[in-house]
Amino acid sequence: MKKFAVILAGCGVYDGAEIHEATLTMLAIAQQGGTYEIFAPNIEQHHVVNHLTGAEMNEKRNVLVESARIARGKIKDLKDFKADDFDALILPGGFGAAKNLCNFAFKGADCEVNPDVTNAIASTHAAKKPVGALCIAPVILAKLIPHVELTIGQDEGTIAGITKLGGKHVKTSHGQVIQDKKNKIFTTPCYMLNATINQIYDGAFNIVKAMMDNIR
């Protein structure tokens, strides 16, 4: 059975991991005969957003603790991640990927990536194992992997940031997966497009299948 590591960025589209993308990624892994473990960095969220009103709230939350909501408590600190234990690594999207795992949402191409996230991606990439990212999460790969080919869909502002980082962007629609075969990088746009939950499932299933097909 192929084993995936899933990195979450909190709980909720506006300040954490996108819940549909995270859940459907786990479902896609299980449906295709794989297993997974869930990780998140043990850090404070950039901010907390009221998902009913969109307003910022005057409180603090922890990324690992919030991610545990999606993981049903079965989650590990990303500091404990070891690439040797897994066949592949995948990052669902949500604004938390661009606010908590890195700060692309605020600094664009001048962003920095959380050290534990950097270590997880770099060690998996160095081991020539597949790395996948959904939605906005591919910007992290553009920052860390030189000249990587990827997609976030069709958003021109984000594409400009990826290009400035040195990445090669390919415009895509629902369910499409871009495979950078040289780097074993797999990306799909999901909610970076105006999507239904069925289309999110298609993207999650297709990216997991593509990664499965490239596991040695």
C-alpha atoms as a PDB file:
ATOM      1  CA  MET A   1       0.000   0.000   0.000  1.00  0.00           C
ATOM      2  CA  LYS A   2       1.335   3.415  -0.979  1.00  0.00           C
ATOM      3  CA  LYS A   3       1.626   5.828   1.932  1.00  0.00           C
ATOM      4  CA  PHE A   4       1.011   9.567   1.616  1.00  0.00           C
ATOM      5  CA  ALA A   5       1.881  12.358   4.019  1.00  0.00           C
ATOM      6  CA  VAL A   6      -0.749  15.118   3.997  1.00  0.00           C
ATOM      7  CA  ILE A   7       0.211  18.592   5.238  1.00  0.00           C
ATOM      8  CA  LEU A   8      -2.631  20.772   6.528  1.00  0.00           C
ATOM      9  CA  ALA A   9      -2.597  24.513   7.240  1.00  0.00           C
ATOM     10  CA  GLY A  10      -5.377  24.849   9.803  1.00  0.00           C
ATOM     11  CA  CYS A  11      -9.129  24.421   9.376  1.00  0.00           C
ATOM     12  CA  GLY A  12     -11.153  26.622   7.050  1.00  0.00           C
ATOM     13  CA  VAL A  13     -10.694  28.173   3.620  1.00  0.00           C
ATOM     14  CA  TYR A  14      -9.993  31.765   4.703  1.00  0.00           C
ATOM     15  CA  ASP A  15      -7.362  31.148   7.361  1.00  0.00           C
ATOM     16  CA  GLY A  16      -6.440  27.457   7.173  1.00  0.00           C
ATOM     17  CA  ALA A  17      -6.767  24.334   5.034  1.00  0.00           C
ATOM     18  CA  GLU A  18      -9.696  24.145   2.617  1.00  0.00           C
ATOM     19  CA  ILE A  19     -11.840  21.449   4.204  1.00  0.00           C
ATOM     20  CA  HIS A  20     -13.340  20.001   1.003  1.00  0.00           C
ATOM     21  CA  GLU A  21      -9.920  19.750  -0.642  1.00  0.00           C
ATOM     22  CA  ALA A  22      -8.354  18.179   2.440  1.00  0.00           C
ATOM     23  CA  THR A  23     -11.142  15.646   2.985  1.00  0.00           C
ATOM     24  CA  LEU A  24     -11.489  14.679  -0.673  1.00  0.00           C
ATOM     25  CA  THR A  25      -7.724  14.251  -0.988  1.00  0.00           C
ATOM     26  CA  MET A  26      -7.795  11.769   1.881  1.00  0.00           C
ATOM     27  CA  LEU A  27     -10.798  10.016   0.321  1.00  0.00           C
ATOM     28  CA  ALA A  28      -9.020   9.791  -3.043  1.00  0.00           C
ATOM     29  CA  ILE A  29      -5.959   8.236  -1.411  1.00  0.00           C
ATOM     30  CA  ALA A  30      -8.073   5.628   0.397  1.00  0.00           C
ATOM     31  CA  GLN A  31     -10.185   4.859  -2.689  1.00  0.00           C
ATOM     32  CA  GLN A  32      -7.055   4.155  -4.700  1.00  0.00           C
ATOM     33  CA  GLY A  33      -5.639   1.719  -2.179  1.00  0.00           C
ATOM     34  CA  GLY A  34      -3.317   4.067  -0.325  1.00  0.00           C
ATOM     35  CA  THR A  35      -2.922   5.122   3.279  1.00  0.00           C
ATOM     36  CA  TYR A  36      -2.034   8.499   4.761  1.00  0.00           C
ATOM     37  CA  GLU A  37      -0.774  10.297   7.823  1.00  0.00           C
ATOM     38  CA  ILE A  38      -1.603  13.924   8.523  1.00  0.00           C
ATOM     39  CA  PHE A  39       0.839  16.618   9.623  1.00  0.00           C
ATOM     40  CA  ALA A  40       0.740  20.326  10.396  1.00  0.00           C
ATOM     41  CA  PRO A  41       3.260  22.811  11.766  1.00  0.00           C
ATOM     42  CA  ASN A  42       2.909  23.605  15.463  1.00  0.00           C
ATOM     43  CA  ILE A  43       2.695  27.382  15.001  1.00  0.00           C
ATOM     44  CA  GLU A  44       0.264  30.226  15.559  1.00  0.00           C
ATOM     45  CA  GLN A  45      -2.048  31.047  12.667  1.00  0.00           C
ATOM     46  CA  HIS A  46      -1.425  34.353  10.917  1.00  0.00           C
ATOM     47  CA  HIS A  47      -4.939  35.416  11.906  1.00  0.00           C
ATOM     48  CA  VAL A  48      -8.426  34.021  12.512  1.00  0.00           C
ATOM     49  CA  VAL A  49     -11.276  34.785  10.111  1.00  0.00           C
ATOM     50  CA  ASN A  50     -15.001  34.550  10.853  1.00  0.00           C
ATOM     51  CA  HIS A  51     -16.137  32.257   8.041  1.00  0.00           C
ATOM     52  CA  LEU A  52     -19.705  33.584   8.270  1.00  0.00           C
ATOM     53  CA  THR A  53     -18.878  37.289   7.820  1.00  0.00           C
ATOM     54  CA  GLY A  54     -15.337  37.276   6.427  1.00  0.00           C
ATOM     55  CA  ALA A  55     -14.184  39.590   9.218  1.00  0.00           C
ATOM     56  CA  GLU A  56     -10.928  39.103  11.092  1.00  0.00           C
ATOM     57  CA  MET A  57     -11.474  38.020  14.704  1.00  0.00           C
ATOM     58  CA  ASN A  58      -9.586  39.208  17.763  1.00  0.00           C
ATOM     59  CA  GLU A  59      -8.267  35.827  18.855  1.00  0.00           C
ATOM     60  CA  LYS A  60      -5.371  33.453  18.289  1.00  0.00           C
ATOM     61  CA  ARG A  61      -5.357  29.846  17.147  1.00  0.00           C
ATOM     62  CA  ASN A  62      -2.732  27.167  16.551  1.00  0.00           C
ATOM     63  CA  VAL A  63      -2.305  25.572  13.117  1.00  0.00           C
ATOM     64  CA  LEU A  64      -1.670  22.064  14.485  1.00  0.00           C
ATOM     65  CA  VAL A  65      -4.622  22.250  16.887  1.00  0.00           C
ATOM     66  CA  GLU A  66      -6.978  23.556  14.202  1.00  0.00           C
ATOM     67  CA  SER A  67      -5.789  20.971  11.661  1.00  0.00           C
ATOM     68  CA  ALA A  68      -6.581  18.273  14.221  1.00  0.00           C
ATOM     69  CA  ARG A  69     -10.265  19.092  13.653  1.00  0.00           C
ATOM     70  CA  ILE A  70     -10.028  17.737  10.096  1.00  0.00           C
ATOM     71  CA  ALA A  71      -7.744  14.873  11.170  1.00  0.00           C
ATOM     72  CA  ARG A  72     -10.144  13.850  13.968  1.00  0.00           C
ATOM     73  CA  GLY A  73      -7.214  14.220  16.354  1.00  0.00           C
ATOM     74  CA  LYS A  74      -4.960  11.788  14.502  1.00  0.00           C
ATOM     75  CA  ILE A  75      -2.209  14.193  13.467  1.00  0.00           C
ATOM     76  CA  LYS A  76       1.495  14.792  14.039  1.00  0.00           C
ATOM     77  CA  ASP A  77       3.696  17.838  14.425  1.00  0.00           C
ATOM     78  CA  LEU A  78       5.374  18.487  11.070  1.00  0.00           C
ATOM     79  CA  LYS A  79       8.731  18.607  12.878  1.00  0.00           C
ATOM     80  CA  ASP A  80       8.423  14.818  13.181  1.00  0.00           C
ATOM     81  CA  PHE A  81       8.038  14.233   9.428  1.00  0.00           C
ATOM     82  CA  LYS A  82      10.559  11.862   7.820  1.00  0.00           C
ATOM     83  CA  ALA A  83      10.544  11.455   4.045  1.00  0.00           C
ATOM     84  CA  ASP A  84      11.797   7.871   4.357  1.00  0.00           C
ATOM     85  CA  ASP A  85       8.477   6.880   5.969  1.00  0.00           C
ATOM     86  CA  PHE A  86       6.356   7.872   2.958  1.00  0.00           C
ATOM     87  CA  ASP A  87       5.959   7.279  -0.759  1.00  0.00           C
ATOM     88  CA  ALA A  88       4.534  10.732  -1.530  1.00  0.00           C
ATOM     89  CA  LEU A  89       3.672  14.117  -0.008  1.00  0.00           C
ATOM     90  CA  ILE A  90       0.586  16.214  -0.781  1.00  0.00           C
ATOM     91  CA  LEU A  91      -0.624  19.677   0.283  1.00  0.00           C
ATOM     92  CA  PRO A  92      -4.311  20.641   0.000  1.00  0.00           C
ATOM     93  CA  GLY A  93      -5.036  24.321  -0.512  1.00  0.00           C
ATOM     94  CA  GLY A  94      -6.944  27.006   1.328  1.00  0.00           C
ATOM     95  CA  PHE A  95      -5.608  30.451   2.219  1.00  0.00           C
ATOM     96  CA  GLY A  96      -3.776  28.917   5.168  1.00  0.00           C
ATOM     97  CA  ALA A  97      -1.287  27.486   2.678  1.00  0.00           C
ATOM     98  CA  ALA A  98      -0.449  31.052   1.635  1.00  0.00           C
ATOM     99  CA  LYS A  99      -0.763  32.572   5.127  1.00  0.00           C
ATOM    100  CA  ASN A 100       0.496  29.918   7.562  1.00  0.00           C
ATOM    101  CA  LEU A 101       2.671  27.496   5.585  1.00  0.00           C
ATOM    102  CA  CYS A 102       4.231  30.474   3.809  1.00  0.00           C
ATOM    103  CA  ASN A 103       3.403  34.189   3.530  1.00  0.00           C
ATOM    104  CA  PHE A 104       2.786  34.441  -0.214  1.00  0.00           C
ATOM    105  CA  ALA A 105      -0.610  36.042   0.516  1.00  0.00           C
ATOM    106  CA  PHE A 106       1.183  39.074   1.929  1.00  0.00           C
ATOM    107  CA  LYS A 107       4.604  39.165   0.271  1.00  0.00           C
ATOM    108  CA  GLY A 108       4.046  37.506  -3.088  1.00  0.00           C
ATOM    109  CA  ALA A 109       7.296  36.482  -4.747  1.00  0.00           C
ATOM    110  CA  ASP A 110       9.239  37.800  -1.733  1.00  0.00           C
ATOM    111  CA  CYS A 111       7.556  35.206   0.483  1.00  0.00           C
ATOM    112  CA  GLU A 112       9.207  32.940   3.007  1.00  0.00           C
ATOM    113  CA  VAL A 113       8.214  29.329   3.701  1.00  0.00           C
ATOM    114  CA  ASN A 114       7.881  27.819   7.167  1.00  0.00           C
ATOM    115  CA  PRO A 115      11.086  25.845   7.943  1.00  0.00           C
ATOM    116  CA  ASP A 116       9.247  22.595   8.727  1.00  0.00           C
ATOM    117  CA  VAL A 117       7.300  22.853   5.471  1.00  0.00           C
ATOM    118  CA  THR A 118      10.534  23.563   3.620  1.00  0.00           C
ATOM    119  CA  ASN A 119      12.212  20.522   5.176  1.00  0.00           C
ATOM    120  CA  ALA A 120       9.299  18.196   4.355  1.00  0.00           C
ATOM    121  CA  ILE A 121       9.111  19.259   0.714  1.00  0.00           C
ATOM    122  CA  ALA A 122      12.879  19.449   0.179  1.00  0.00           C
ATOM    123  CA  SER A 123      13.561  16.035   1.709  1.00  0.00           C
ATOM    124  CA  THR A 124      10.756  14.378  -0.273  1.00  0.00           C
ATOM    125  CA  HIS A 125      11.916  16.032  -3.489  1.00  0.00           C
ATOM    126  CA  ALA A 126      15.532  15.044  -2.826  1.00  0.00           C
ATOM    127  CA  ALA A 127      14.374  11.430  -2.405  1.00  0.00           C
ATOM    128  CA  LYS A 128      12.757  11.668  -5.886  1.00  0.00           C
ATOM    129  CA  LYS A 129       9.310  10.967  -4.483  1.00  0.00           C
ATOM    130  CA  PRO A 130       6.136  12.652  -5.808  1.00  0.00           C
ATOM    131  CA  VAL A 131       5.026  15.941  -4.276  1.00  0.00           C
ATOM    132  CA  GLY A 132       1.510  17.234  -4.974  1.00  0.00           C
ATOM    133  CA  ALA A 133      -0.261  20.511  -4.265  1.00  0.00           C
ATOM    134  CA  LEU A 134      -3.825  21.708  -4.771  1.00  0.00           C
ATOM    135  CA  CYS A 135      -5.350  25.163  -5.219  1.00  0.00           C
ATOM    136  CA  ILE A 136      -3.000  27.943  -3.960  1.00  0.00           C
ATOM    137  CA  ALA A 137      -0.506  25.518  -2.357  1.00  0.00           C
ATOM    138  CA  PRO A 138       1.593  25.221  -5.559  1.00  0.00           C
ATOM    139  CA  VAL A 139       3.049  28.681  -4.849  1.00  0.00           C
ATOM    140  CA  ILE A 140       5.086  27.008  -2.086  1.00  0.00           C
ATOM    141  CA  LEU A 141       6.607  24.657  -4.641  1.00  0.00           C
ATOM    142  CA  ALA A 142       7.386  27.573  -6.959  1.00  0.00           C
ATOM    143  CA  LYS A 143       9.340  29.172  -4.118  1.00  0.00           C
ATOM    144  CA  LEU A 144      11.291  26.043  -3.181  1.00  0.00           C
ATOM    145  CA  ILE A 145      11.921  24.223  -6.477  1.00  0.00           C
ATOM    146  CA  PRO A 146      13.739  26.131  -9.265  1.00  0.00           C
ATOM    147  CA  HIS A 147      12.000  26.339 -12.659  1.00  0.00           C
ATOM    148  CA  VAL A 148       9.180  24.021 -11.609  1.00  0.00           C
ATOM    149  CA  GLU A 149       6.213  23.575 -13.970  1.00  0.00           C
ATOM    150  CA  LEU A 150       2.850  23.813 -12.236  1.00  0.00           C
ATOM    151  CA  THR A 151      -0.674  25.237 -12.195  1.00  0.00           C
ATOM    152  CA  ILE A 152      -2.955  27.266  -9.946  1.00  0.00           C
ATOM    153  CA  GLY A 153      -5.629  27.535 -12.638  1.00  0.00           C
ATOM    154  CA  GLN A 154      -6.115  30.905 -14.322  1.00  0.00           C
ATOM    155  CA  ASP A 155      -5.689  33.700 -11.745  1.00  0.00           C
ATOM    156  CA  GLU A 156      -3.415  36.262 -13.396  1.00  0.00           C
ATOM    157  CA  GLY A 157      -2.148  37.869 -10.188  1.00  0.00           C
ATOM    158  CA  THR A 158      -1.020  34.565  -8.717  1.00  0.00           C
ATOM    159  CA  ILE A 159       0.434  33.486 -12.060  1.00  0.00           C
ATOM    160  CA  ALA A 160       2.517  36.672 -12.119  1.00  0.00           C
ATOM    161  CA  GLY A 161       3.894  35.841  -8.657  1.00  0.00           C
ATOM    162  CA  ILE A 162       4.774  32.299  -9.722  1.00  0.00           C
ATOM    163  CA  THR A 163       6.514  33.592 -12.835  1.00  0.00           C
ATOM    164  CA  LYS A 164       8.507  36.064 -10.742  1.00  0.00           C
ATOM    165  CA  LEU A 165       9.592  33.149  -8.542  1.00  0.00           C
ATOM    166  CA  GLY A 166      10.947  31.424 -11.639  1.00  0.00           C
ATOM    167  CA  GLY A 167       8.158  28.901 -12.053  1.00  0.00           C
ATOM    168  CA  LYS A 168       6.570  27.932 -15.356  1.00  0.00           C
ATOM    169  CA  HIS A 169       2.792  28.193 -15.115  1.00  0.00           C
ATOM    170  CA  VAL A 170       0.304  26.259 -17.256  1.00  0.00           C
ATOM    171  CA  LYS A 171      -3.306  27.472 -17.325  1.00  0.00           C
ATOM    172  CA  THR A 172      -5.802  24.727 -16.499  1.00  0.00           C
ATOM    173  CA  SER A 173      -9.483  24.077 -15.924  1.00  0.00           C
ATOM    174  CA  HIS A 174     -11.403  21.789 -13.572  1.00  0.00           C
ATOM    175  CA  GLY A 175      -9.867  18.425 -12.763  1.00  0.00           C
ATOM    176  CA  GLN A 176      -6.735  18.954 -14.825  1.00  0.00           C
ATOM    177  CA  VAL A 177      -3.360  17.949 -13.387  1.00  0.00           C
ATOM    178  CA  ILE A 178      -0.011  19.355 -14.478  1.00  0.00           C
ATOM    179  CA  GLN A 179       2.844  16.890 -14.134  1.00  0.00           C
ATOM    180  CA  ASP A 180       6.398  18.158 -13.961  1.00  0.00           C
ATOM    181  CA  LYS A 181       7.921  14.766 -14.721  1.00  0.00           C
ATOM    182  CA  LYS A 182      11.506  15.899 -14.167  1.00  0.00           C
ATOM    183  CA  ASN A 183      10.763  17.098 -10.634  1.00  0.00           C
ATOM    184  CA  LYS A 184       7.910  14.672  -9.857  1.00  0.00           C
ATOM    185  CA  ILE A 185       5.678  17.635  -9.012  1.00  0.00           C
ATOM    186  CA  PHE A 186       1.897  17.385  -9.462  1.00  0.00           C
ATOM    187  CA  THR A 187      -0.567  20.292  -9.215  1.00  0.00           C
ATOM    188  CA  THR A 188      -4.271  20.936  -9.815  1.00  0.00           C
ATOM    189  CA  PRO A 189      -6.320  24.166  -9.430  1.00  0.00           C
ATOM    190  CA  CYS A 190      -9.413  23.129  -7.395  1.00  0.00           C
ATOM    191  CA  TYR A 191     -10.953  26.191  -5.668  1.00  0.00           C
ATOM    192  CA  MET A 192      -8.599  28.625  -7.398  1.00  0.00           C
ATOM    193  CA  LEU A 193     -11.339  28.257 -10.003  1.00  0.00           C
ATOM    194  CA  ASN A 194     -15.058  28.812  -9.399  1.00  0.00           C
ATOM    195  CA  ALA A 195     -15.759  25.152  -8.700  1.00  0.00           C
ATOM    196  CA  THR A 196     -18.400  22.760  -7.436  1.00  0.00           C
ATOM    197  CA  ILE A 197     -17.594  20.096  -4.872  1.00  0.00           C
ATOM    198  CA  ASN A 198     -17.869  17.494  -7.670  1.00  0.00           C
ATOM    199  CA  GLN A 199     -15.122  19.309  -9.567  1.00  0.00           C
ATOM    200  CA  ILE A 200     -12.985  19.438  -6.422  1.00  0.00           C
ATOM    201  CA  TYR A 201     -13.365  15.680  -6.111  1.00  0.00           C
ATOM    202  CA  ASP A 202     -12.284  15.261  -9.724  1.00  0.00           C
ATOM    203  CA  GLY A 203      -9.143  17.313  -9.066  1.00  0.00           C
ATOM    204  CA  ALA A 204      -8.307  15.456  -5.858  1.00  0.00           C
ATOM    205  CA  PHE A 205      -8.877  12.044  -7.443  1.00  0.00           C
ATOM    206  CA  ASN A 206      -6.896  12.890 -10.570  1.00  0.00           C
ATOM    207  CA  ILE A 207      -3.873  14.304  -8.759  1.00  0.00           C
ATOM    208  CA  VAL A 208      -3.704  11.342  -6.387  1.00  0.00           C
ATOM    209  CA  LYS A 209      -3.968   8.939  -9.344  1.00  0.00           C
ATOM    210  CA  ALA A 210      -1.183  10.729 -11.199  1.00  0.00           C
ATOM    211  CA  MET A 211       1.015  10.597  -8.115  1.00  0.00           C
ATOM    212  CA  MET A 212       0.216   6.920  -7.510  1.00  0.00           C
ATOM    213  CA  ASP A 213       1.235   6.146 -11.093  1.00  0.00           C
ATOM    214  CA  ASN A 214       4.627   7.765 -10.446  1.00  0.00           C
ATOM    215  CA  ILE A 215       5.491   6.047  -7.186  1.00  0.00           C
ATOM    216  CA  ARG A 216       8.284   3.546  -7.700  1.00  0.00           C
END
